[in-house]
Amino acid sequence: ASEATLGIDPALLEILACPDTHHS
């Protein structure tokens, strides 16, 4: 599970988005 998320908390992954305007 940790490998699938690169060690990033899954809750954080849910909210991370591209820092450019209006991206995914």
PDB file of all heavy atoms in Angstrom:
ATOM      1  N   ALA A   1       0.835  -1.214   0.000  1.00  0.00           N
ATOM      2  CA  ALA A   1       0.000   0.000   0.000  1.00  0.00           C
ATOM      3  C   ALA A   1       0.864   1.256   0.000  1.00  0.00           C
ATOM      4  O   ALA A   1       0.581   2.227  -0.689  1.00  0.00           O
ATOM      5  CB  ALA A   1      -0.937   0.003   1.203  1.00  0.00           C
ATOM      6  N   SER A   2       1.950   1.225   0.762  1.00  0.00           N
ATOM      7  CA  SER A   2       2.859   2.363   0.826  1.00  0.00           C
ATOM      8  C   SER A   2       3.555   2.568  -0.514  1.00  0.00           C
ATOM      9  O   SER A   2       3.758   3.692  -0.955  1.00  0.00           O
ATOM     10  CB  SER A   2       3.871   2.162   1.939  1.00  0.00           C
ATOM     11  OG  SER A   2       4.748   3.249   2.025  1.00  0.00           O
ATOM     12  N   GLU A   3       3.921   1.466  -1.173  1.00  0.00           N
ATOM     13  CA  GLU A   3       4.552   1.567  -2.488  1.00  0.00           C
ATOM     14  C   GLU A   3       3.587   2.153  -3.503  1.00  0.00           C
ATOM     15  O   GLU A   3       3.979   2.948  -4.351  1.00  0.00           O
ATOM     16  CB  GLU A   3       5.040   0.200  -2.946  1.00  0.00           C
ATOM     17  CG  GLU A   3       6.250  -0.282  -2.187  1.00  0.00           C
ATOM     18  CD  GLU A   3       6.675  -1.684  -2.570  1.00  0.00           C
ATOM     19  OE1 GLU A   3       6.144  -2.230  -3.560  1.00  0.00           O
ATOM     20  OE2 GLU A   3       7.542  -2.222  -1.874  1.00  0.00           O
ATOM     21  N   ALA A   4       2.311   1.795  -3.428  1.00  0.00           N
ATOM     22  CA  ALA A   4       1.306   2.287  -4.383  1.00  0.00           C
ATOM     23  C   ALA A   4       1.061   3.783  -4.233  1.00  0.00           C
ATOM     24  O   ALA A   4       0.591   4.426  -5.160  1.00  0.00           O
ATOM     25  CB  ALA A   4       0.011   1.513  -4.221  1.00  0.00           C
ATOM     26  N   THR A   5       1.375   4.333  -3.066  1.00  0.00           N
ATOM     27  CA  THR A   5       1.159   5.761  -2.839  1.00  0.00           C
ATOM     28  C   THR A   5       2.478   6.520  -2.736  1.00  0.00           C
ATOM     29  O   THR A   5       2.480   7.696  -2.387  1.00  0.00           O
ATOM     30  CB  THR A   5       0.335   6.002  -1.558  1.00  0.00           C
ATOM     31  OG1 THR A   5       1.066   5.509  -0.440  1.00  0.00           O
ATOM     32  CG2 THR A   5      -1.025   5.341  -1.635  1.00  0.00           C
ATOM     33  N   LEU A   6       3.587   5.856  -3.020  1.00  0.00           N
ATOM     34  CA  LEU A   6       4.927   6.459  -2.954  1.00  0.00           C
ATOM     35  C   LEU A   6       5.255   7.012  -1.570  1.00  0.00           C
ATOM     36  O   LEU A   6       6.021   7.954  -1.430  1.00  0.00           O
ATOM     37  CB  LEU A   6       5.073   7.555  -4.016  1.00  0.00           C
ATOM     38  CG  LEU A   6       4.862   7.116  -5.460  1.00  0.00           C
ATOM     39  CD1 LEU A   6       4.911   8.321  -6.394  1.00  0.00           C
ATOM     40  CD2 LEU A   6       5.901   6.088  -5.868  1.00  0.00           C
ATOM     41  N   GLY A   7       4.631   6.434  -0.543  1.00  0.00           N
ATOM     42  CA  GLY A   7       4.891   6.876   0.820  1.00  0.00           C
ATOM     43  C   GLY A   7       4.098   8.099   1.239  1.00  0.00           C
ATOM     44  O   GLY A   7       4.292   8.623   2.327  1.00  0.00           O
ATOM     45  N   ILE A   8       3.191   8.557   0.372  1.00  0.00           N
ATOM     46  CA  ILE A   8       2.363   9.731   0.666  1.00  0.00           C
ATOM     47  C   ILE A   8       1.067   9.263   1.318  1.00  0.00           C
ATOM     48  O   ILE A   8       0.465   8.282   0.881  1.00  0.00           O
ATOM     49  CB  ILE A   8       2.054  10.514  -0.623  1.00  0.00           C
ATOM     50  CG1 ILE A   8       3.347  10.942  -1.306  1.00  0.00           C
ATOM     51  CG2 ILE A   8       1.173  11.728  -0.333  1.00  0.00           C
ATOM     52  CD1 ILE A   8       3.150  11.494  -2.708  1.00  0.00           C
ATOM     53  N   ASP A   9       0.626   9.970   2.339  1.00  0.00           N
ATOM     54  CA  ASP A   9      -0.629   9.649   3.018  1.00  0.00           C
ATOM     55  C   ASP A   9      -1.769   9.636   1.987  1.00  0.00           C
ATOM     56  O   ASP A   9      -1.942  10.603   1.248  1.00  0.00           O
ATOM     57  CB  ASP A   9      -0.892  10.712   4.089  1.00  0.00           C
ATOM     58  CG  ASP A   9      -2.124  10.432   4.916  1.00  0.00           C
ATOM     59  OD1 ASP A   9      -3.091   9.808   4.422  1.00  0.00           O
ATOM     60  OD2 ASP A   9      -2.130  10.860   6.086  1.00  0.00           O
ATOM     61  N   PRO A  10      -2.537   8.550   1.917  1.00  0.00           N
ATOM     62  CA  PRO A  10      -3.639   8.470   0.948  1.00  0.00           C
ATOM     63  C   PRO A  10      -4.644   9.619   1.067  1.00  0.00           C
ATOM     64  O   PRO A  10      -5.198  10.066   0.061  1.00  0.00           O
ATOM     65  CB  PRO A  10      -4.302   7.128   1.261  1.00  0.00           C
ATOM     66  CG  PRO A  10      -3.209   6.314   1.881  1.00  0.00           C
ATOM     67  CD  PRO A  10      -2.365   7.297   2.655  1.00  0.00           C
ATOM     68  N   ALA A  11      -4.884  10.115   2.272  1.00  0.00           N
ATOM     69  CA  ALA A  11      -5.801  11.255   2.444  1.00  0.00           C
ATOM     70  C   ALA A  11      -5.241  12.498   1.763  1.00  0.00           C
ATOM     71  O   ALA A  11      -5.988  13.292   1.180  1.00  0.00           O
ATOM     72  CB  ALA A  11      -6.052  11.521   3.925  1.00  0.00           C
ATOM     73  N   LEU A  12      -3.931  12.677   1.822  1.00  0.00           N
ATOM     74  CA  LEU A  12      -3.296  13.811   1.152  1.00  0.00           C
ATOM     75  C   LEU A  12      -3.374  13.646  -0.363  1.00  0.00           C
ATOM     76  O   LEU A  12      -3.654  14.607  -1.085  1.00  0.00           O
ATOM     77  CB  LEU A  12      -1.843  13.950   1.601  1.00  0.00           C
ATOM     78  CG  LEU A  12      -1.031  15.070   0.962  1.00  0.00           C
ATOM     79  CD1 LEU A  12      -1.647  16.434   1.246  1.00  0.00           C
ATOM     80  CD2 LEU A  12       0.410  15.027   1.449  1.00  0.00           C
ATOM     81  N   LEU A  13      -3.167  12.439  -0.838  1.00  0.00           N
ATOM     82  CA  LEU A  13      -3.240  12.190  -2.285  1.00  0.00           C
ATOM     83  C   LEU A  13      -4.608  12.563  -2.850  1.00  0.00           C
ATOM     84  O   LEU A  13      -4.708  12.994  -3.988  1.00  0.00           O
ATOM     85  CB  LEU A  13      -2.950  10.723  -2.594  1.00  0.00           C
ATOM     86  CG  LEU A  13      -1.494  10.340  -2.714  1.00  0.00           C
ATOM     87  CD1 LEU A  13      -1.358   8.847  -2.938  1.00  0.00           C
ATOM     88  CD2 LEU A  13      -0.794  11.108  -3.808  1.00  0.00           C
ATOM     89  N   GLU A  14      -5.652  12.381  -2.056  1.00  0.00           N
ATOM     90  CA  GLU A  14      -7.005  12.697  -2.518  1.00  0.00           C
ATOM     91  C   GLU A  14      -7.190  14.180  -2.795  1.00  0.00           C
ATOM     92  O   GLU A  14      -8.022  14.552  -3.615  1.00  0.00           O
ATOM     93  CB  GLU A  14      -8.043  12.229  -1.495  1.00  0.00           C
ATOM     94  CG  GLU A  14      -8.199  10.738  -1.442  1.00  0.00           C
ATOM     95  CD  GLU A  14      -9.280  10.319  -0.472  1.00  0.00           C
ATOM     96  OE1 GLU A  14     -10.211  11.115  -0.210  1.00  0.00           O
ATOM     97  OE2 GLU A  14      -9.194   9.187   0.022  1.00  0.00           O
ATOM     98  N   ILE A  15      -6.428  15.049  -2.115  1.00  0.00           N
ATOM     99  CA  ILE A  15      -6.632  16.485  -2.284  1.00  0.00           C
ATOM    100  C   ILE A  15      -5.541  17.177  -3.098  1.00  0.00           C
ATOM    101  O   ILE A  15      -5.698  18.332  -3.480  1.00  0.00           O
ATOM    102  CB  ILE A  15      -6.788  17.197  -0.921  1.00  0.00           C
ATOM    103  CG1 ILE A  15      -5.539  17.023  -0.065  1.00  0.00           C
ATOM    104  CG2 ILE A  15      -8.034  16.710  -0.196  1.00  0.00           C
ATOM    105  CD1 ILE A  15      -5.537  17.848   1.203  1.00  0.00           C
ATOM    106  N   LEU A  16      -4.440  16.476  -3.390  1.00  0.00           N
ATOM    107  CA  LEU A  16      -3.378  17.090  -4.175  1.00  0.00           C
ATOM    108  C   LEU A  16      -3.832  17.295  -5.616  1.00  0.00           C
ATOM    109  O   LEU A  16      -4.448  16.421  -6.214  1.00  0.00           O
ATOM    110  CB  LEU A  16      -2.122  16.216  -4.167  1.00  0.00           C
ATOM    111  CG  LEU A  16      -1.329  16.177  -2.880  1.00  0.00           C
ATOM    112  CD1 LEU A  16      -0.132  15.236  -3.039  1.00  0.00           C
ATOM    113  CD2 LEU A  16      -0.853  17.554  -2.484  1.00  0.00           C
ATOM    114  N   ALA A  17      -3.505  18.456  -6.167  1.00  0.00           N
ATOM    115  CA  ALA A  17      -3.836  18.758  -7.561  1.00  0.00           C
ATOM    116  C   ALA A  17      -2.680  19.518  -8.179  1.00  0.00           C
ATOM    117  O   ALA A  17      -1.830  20.073  -7.480  1.00  0.00           O
ATOM    118  CB  ALA A  17      -5.113  19.583  -7.636  1.00  0.00           C
ATOM    119  N   CYS A  18      -2.662  19.556  -9.477  1.00  0.00           N
ATOM    120  CA  CYS A  18      -1.632  20.287 -10.212  1.00  0.00           C
ATOM    121  C   CYS A  18      -1.659  21.748  -9.777  1.00  0.00           C
ATOM    122  O   CYS A  18      -2.734  22.348  -9.657  1.00  0.00           O
ATOM    123  CB  CYS A  18      -1.905  20.175 -11.708  1.00  0.00           C
ATOM    124  SG  CYS A  18      -0.700  21.021 -12.738  1.00  0.00           S
ATOM    125  N   PRO A  19      -0.493  22.342  -9.515  1.00  0.00           N
ATOM    126  CA  PRO A  19      -0.466  23.737  -9.065  1.00  0.00           C
ATOM    127  C   PRO A  19      -0.782  24.753 -10.158  1.00  0.00           C
ATOM    128  O   PRO A  19      -0.989  25.923  -9.867  1.00  0.00           O
ATOM    129  CB  PRO A  19       0.968  23.922  -8.546  1.00  0.00           C
ATOM    130  CG  PRO A  19       1.767  22.901  -9.257  1.00  0.00           C
ATOM    131  CD  PRO A  19       0.837  21.747  -9.506  1.00  0.00           C
ATOM    132  N   ASP A  20      -0.847  24.321 -11.423  1.00  0.00           N
ATOM    133  CA  ASP A  20      -1.218  25.241 -12.486  1.00  0.00           C
ATOM    134  C   ASP A  20      -2.726  25.503 -12.402  1.00  0.00           C
ATOM    135  O   ASP A  20      -3.485  24.696 -11.871  1.00  0.00           O
ATOM    136  CB  ASP A  20      -0.854  24.644 -13.843  1.00  0.00           C
ATOM    137  CG  ASP A  20      -0.602  25.696 -14.905  1.00  0.00           C
ATOM    138  OD1 ASP A  20      -0.887  26.880 -14.651  1.00  0.00           O
ATOM    139  OD2 ASP A  20      -0.112  25.331 -15.992  1.00  0.00           O
ATOM    140  N   THR A  21      -3.156  26.615 -12.915  1.00  0.00           N
ATOM    141  CA  THR A  21      -4.557  27.035 -12.810  1.00  0.00           C
ATOM    142  C   THR A  21      -5.496  26.074 -13.532  1.00  0.00           C
ATOM    143  O   THR A  21      -5.242  25.686 -14.667  1.00  0.00           O
ATOM    144  CB  THR A  21      -4.719  28.452 -13.409  1.00  0.00           C
ATOM    145  OG1 THR A  21      -3.758  29.296 -12.802  1.00  0.00           O
ATOM    146  CG2 THR A  21      -6.096  29.005 -13.161  1.00  0.00           C
ATOM    147  N   HIS A  22      -6.582  25.697 -12.859  1.00  0.00           N
ATOM    148  CA  HIS A  22      -7.672  24.888 -13.422  1.00  0.00           C
ATOM    149  C   HIS A  22      -7.223  23.524 -13.929  1.00  0.00           C
ATOM    150  O   HIS A  22      -7.639  23.087 -14.989  1.00  0.00           O
ATOM    151  CB  HIS A  22      -8.387  25.640 -14.546  1.00  0.00           C
ATOM    152  CG  HIS A  22      -8.873  26.983 -14.153  1.00  0.00           C
ATOM    153  ND1 HIS A  22      -9.857  27.177 -13.204  1.00  0.00           N
ATOM    154  CD2 HIS A  22      -8.483  28.219 -14.537  1.00  0.00           C
ATOM    155  CE1 HIS A  22     -10.071  28.467 -13.043  1.00  0.00           C
ATOM    156  NE2 HIS A  22      -9.246  29.124 -13.836  1.00  0.00           N
ATOM    157  N   HIS A  23      -6.369  22.878 -13.171  1.00  0.00           N
ATOM    158  CA  HIS A  23      -5.918  21.557 -13.591  1.00  0.00           C
ATOM    159  C   HIS A  23      -6.481  20.477 -12.686  1.00  0.00           C
ATOM    160  O   HIS A  23      -7.214  20.757 -11.746  1.00  0.00           O
ATOM    161  CB  HIS A  23      -4.390  21.504 -13.662  1.00  0.00           C
ATOM    162  CG  HIS A  23      -3.872  22.216 -14.874  1.00  0.00           C
ATOM    163  ND1 HIS A  23      -3.103  21.608 -15.820  1.00  0.00           N
ATOM    164  CD2 HIS A  23      -4.046  23.482 -15.303  1.00  0.00           C
ATOM    165  CE1 HIS A  23      -2.813  22.477 -16.774  1.00  0.00           C
ATOM    166  NE2 HIS A  23      -3.370  23.619 -16.480  1.00  0.00           N
ATOM    167  N   SER A  24      -6.136  19.259 -12.973  1.00  0.00           N
ATOM    168  CA  SER A  24      -6.777  18.088 -12.398  1.00  0.00           C
ATOM    169  C   SER A  24      -6.085  17.578 -11.139  1.00  0.00           C
ATOM    170  O   SER A  24      -4.916  17.870 -10.902  1.00  0.00           O
ATOM    171  CB  SER A  24      -6.733  16.953 -13.429  1.00  0.00           C
ATOM    172  OG  SER A  24      -7.292  17.359 -14.636  1.00  0.00           O
TER     173      SER A  24
END
